[in-house]
Protein backbone atom coordinates (compact mmCIF):
# COMPACT_ATOMS: atom_id res chain seq x y z
CA MET A 1 84.07 101.26 119.86
CA LYS A 2 83.21 98.10 118.85
CA ASP A 3 79.40 96.76 118.47
CA PRO A 4 78.76 93.21 120.29
CA ALA A 5 76.81 92.19 117.83
CA MET A 6 79.74 92.73 115.32
CA LEU A 7 81.90 90.53 117.53
CA ASP A 8 79.46 88.10 117.85
CA CYS A 9 79.37 87.30 114.70
CA LEU A 10 83.07 87.60 113.91
CA THR A 11 83.03 85.32 116.74
CA ARG A 12 80.90 82.99 115.31
CA LEU A 13 82.65 82.89 112.00
CA ASP A 14 86.07 82.12 113.66
CA SER A 15 84.22 78.95 115.47
CA LEU A 16 82.68 77.69 112.45
CA LYS A 17 84.46 74.08 111.89
CA ARG A 18 83.95 72.86 108.06
CA PRO A 19 85.52 70.58 105.77
CA ARG A 20 88.56 71.85 104.13
CA LEU A 21 87.50 72.04 100.63
CA LEU A 22 83.98 74.58 101.85
CA SER A 23 86.76 76.46 103.69
CA ARG A 24 89.45 76.98 101.39
CA ALA A 25 87.03 77.43 98.59
CA ALA A 26 85.29 80.46 100.88
CA ARG A 27 89.07 82.07 100.89
CA MET A 28 89.78 82.04 97.71
CA GLY A 29 86.43 83.17 96.77
CA ALA A 30 86.65 85.77 98.65
CA ARG A 31 89.85 87.40 96.97
CA ASP A 32 87.01 88.63 94.78
CA TYR A 33 84.35 89.48 96.80
CA ARG A 34 82.23 92.53 96.14
CA ARG A 35 79.39 93.16 98.32
CA ASN A 36 76.67 95.28 96.11
CA VAL A 37 77.33 92.28 93.59
CA HIS A 38 77.27 89.37 95.81
CA LEU A 39 74.85 90.20 98.76
CA PRO A 40 71.96 91.17 96.61
CA ARG A 41 72.04 87.95 95.13
CA LEU A 42 72.12 86.10 98.72
CA LEU A 43 69.93 88.33 100.93
CA GLY A 44 67.71 89.72 98.10
CA TYR A 45 67.77 93.47 96.41
CA GLY A 46 67.50 96.88 98.01
CA PRO A 47 69.52 98.77 100.43
CA LEU A 48 72.44 96.73 101.60
CA PRO A 49 72.23 96.02 105.20
CA ARG A 50 75.07 96.94 107.61
CA HIS A 51 78.01 94.18 108.29
CA GLY A 52 77.09 93.05 111.33
CA GLU A 53 73.58 92.39 110.51
CA ALA A 54 74.67 90.79 106.94
CA MET A 55 76.68 88.81 108.57
CA MET A 56 74.23 87.26 111.35
CA ARG A 57 72.00 86.93 108.45
CA LEU A 58 74.63 85.05 106.37
CA LEU A 59 75.46 82.93 109.30
CA GLU A 60 71.99 81.63 109.74
CA MET A 61 71.80 80.77 106.41
CA GLU A 62 75.25 78.78 106.31
CA ASP A 63 73.72 77.27 109.74
CA GLU A 64 70.90 75.58 107.95
CA LEU A 65 73.14 74.96 104.37
CA ASN A 66 75.47 73.35 106.69
CA THR A 67 72.68 71.38 108.29
CA ARG A 68 71.49 70.46 104.98
CA ARG A 69 75.02 69.37 104.02
CA THR A 70 75.30 66.92 106.93
CA GLU A 71 72.31 65.59 106.61
CA GLU A 72 71.49 65.21 103.03
CA GLY A 73 75.39 64.64 101.80
CA THR A 74 75.61 65.33 97.97
CA THR A 75 72.17 66.32 97.06
CA TYR A 76 72.50 69.62 99.12
CA PRO A 77 73.41 73.12 97.30
CA MET A 78 76.66 72.93 97.88
CA LEU A 79 77.75 76.17 95.02
CA ARG A 80 75.07 78.31 97.18
CA HIS A 81 76.68 77.29 100.61
CA ILE A 82 79.88 78.21 99.20
CA ASP A 83 78.45 81.49 98.04
CA VAL A 84 77.18 82.12 101.16
CA LEU A 85 80.78 81.58 103.07
CA ILE A 86 82.42 83.34 100.33
CA ALA A 87 79.88 86.51 101.40
CA LEU A 88 80.82 85.76 105.10
CA VAL A 89 84.44 85.92 104.67
CA GLY A 90 84.36 88.71 102.77
CA GLU A 91 82.03 90.97 104.96
CA ALA A 92 84.42 89.99 107.80
CA ARG A 93 87.17 90.53 106.17
CA ILE A 94 85.63 94.33 105.36
CA LEU A 95 84.51 94.86 109.11
CA ARG A 96 87.93 94.11 110.94
CA ALA A 97 89.56 96.31 108.24
CA SER A 98 87.10 98.88 109.06
CA GLN A 99 87.73 98.15 112.91
CA ALA A 100 91.34 98.67 112.20
CA GLU A 101 91.22 102.08 110.67
CA LEU A 102 89.06 103.30 113.99
CA ARG A 103 92.33 102.23 115.85
């Protein structure tokens, strides 16, 4: 059975409209995504959260970064924004693959 929170975070990710360059960088970076390396750097060290929870936290971070991008322009932390987007795409891929295995 699919968890509604996981569906919600996947739907939210799919509905994001970001500049093409950011989206492309995230997709390319997600090829090398390793959650045990990338997530602690973004979410803090300790036990890794489940995929749905990680995505919800990453979506909140991404929303804040995107607001800064639109308000601050080039002075916002673009590399951090790309890192968060990479983690989001990577988590979504893992989540979708695990759902496909359950079918």
